[in-house]
């Protein structure tokens, strides 16, 4: 299940992610474009979709509540809807909830922050994002 949204506003910005897989090594992804981010009345979404990097397809989606505290580190928990993330590699459907941490350095309406996510025993994604008007 990919993170889906009923978006009412698309937002431009930048996203830098380093994907690390124990067998495939490290691959960096740097994006600056419209459509990476979106928001509705309750959530902000980071959705670069499926991206081909280093010969593999990586999917990452992050969803967080619009009222999160700035400069607070959030630990992603399976049953917590404050912050959720989903990772996939090569379109293999696995666990729907990635583990890791997430923090904001700037709040709404144009948040920025960092994340470190992992799918246990598979791969991790570490990066930062910044949305702009």
Foldseek 3Di string as FASTA:
>chain_A
DADDDPFDFKFWWKKWKWKAWPVQGIWIDIDTDIRQWTDDQFKIKGFPAWDQTSNKTKGKIKIATQPDDAPDKDWFDDPDRRMFMAIDMRPDDDDGGWTWIWHWNDHPPWIKTWIWTDDPNGMIMTIIITTDD
